[in-house]
């Protein structure tokens, strides 16, 4: 049985993925989550944890917020850490700017998850039209959905996120990368 190991900077990403991944991963492909205490902890431990992971045929995904970093430089630095650990083919995805950008891109999911009516009508207004460009999506989300809390809100919203929603390019890149990874795993399994 294959597994996909997600290296995550915070618990809210884990609980969101627990709701989203059942629609993206086939049965038999098990997700495993390694949750760190923020981005510095993830950056500090990534090489050691990748190097020490001993499950054969495991595939790896690193998911990290961009925050105020330069996206290209951040991805390059993470790629170098993966290479240092001796792991090729790690899927690295950067969330622009925060996980809440993905939620602002799918206000229907936020409305269903948090049971807030009428959010969809804000979808074609700023900053929800281009959420990856918005520097403080968490604050905006808390304004339009005051009940939102990082972990509980992520748990509630995750099962409702539309994997085909492309309003957040970083979400679309995450989903397309994960779908390619799943296809690669399936093709490798068929060639054995």
Foldseek 3Di string as FASTA:
>chain_A
DEEEEEEEAAQLVVLLCVQAVVVQADPPHYYHYDYHPGDVRCLVCVLVVLLPDDDPNYAYEYEEACQPHDPVVVVVSVVVSCVSSVHPPYHYAYFQHDPLLLCLLPVVLLCQLLVNPDSVVCCCPPPSQQSSVDNCSVVVCCVVRVVDDRRSSSNSRSNVRDQPRPSYVSSVSVSVSSNVVNVVSVVVVVVD
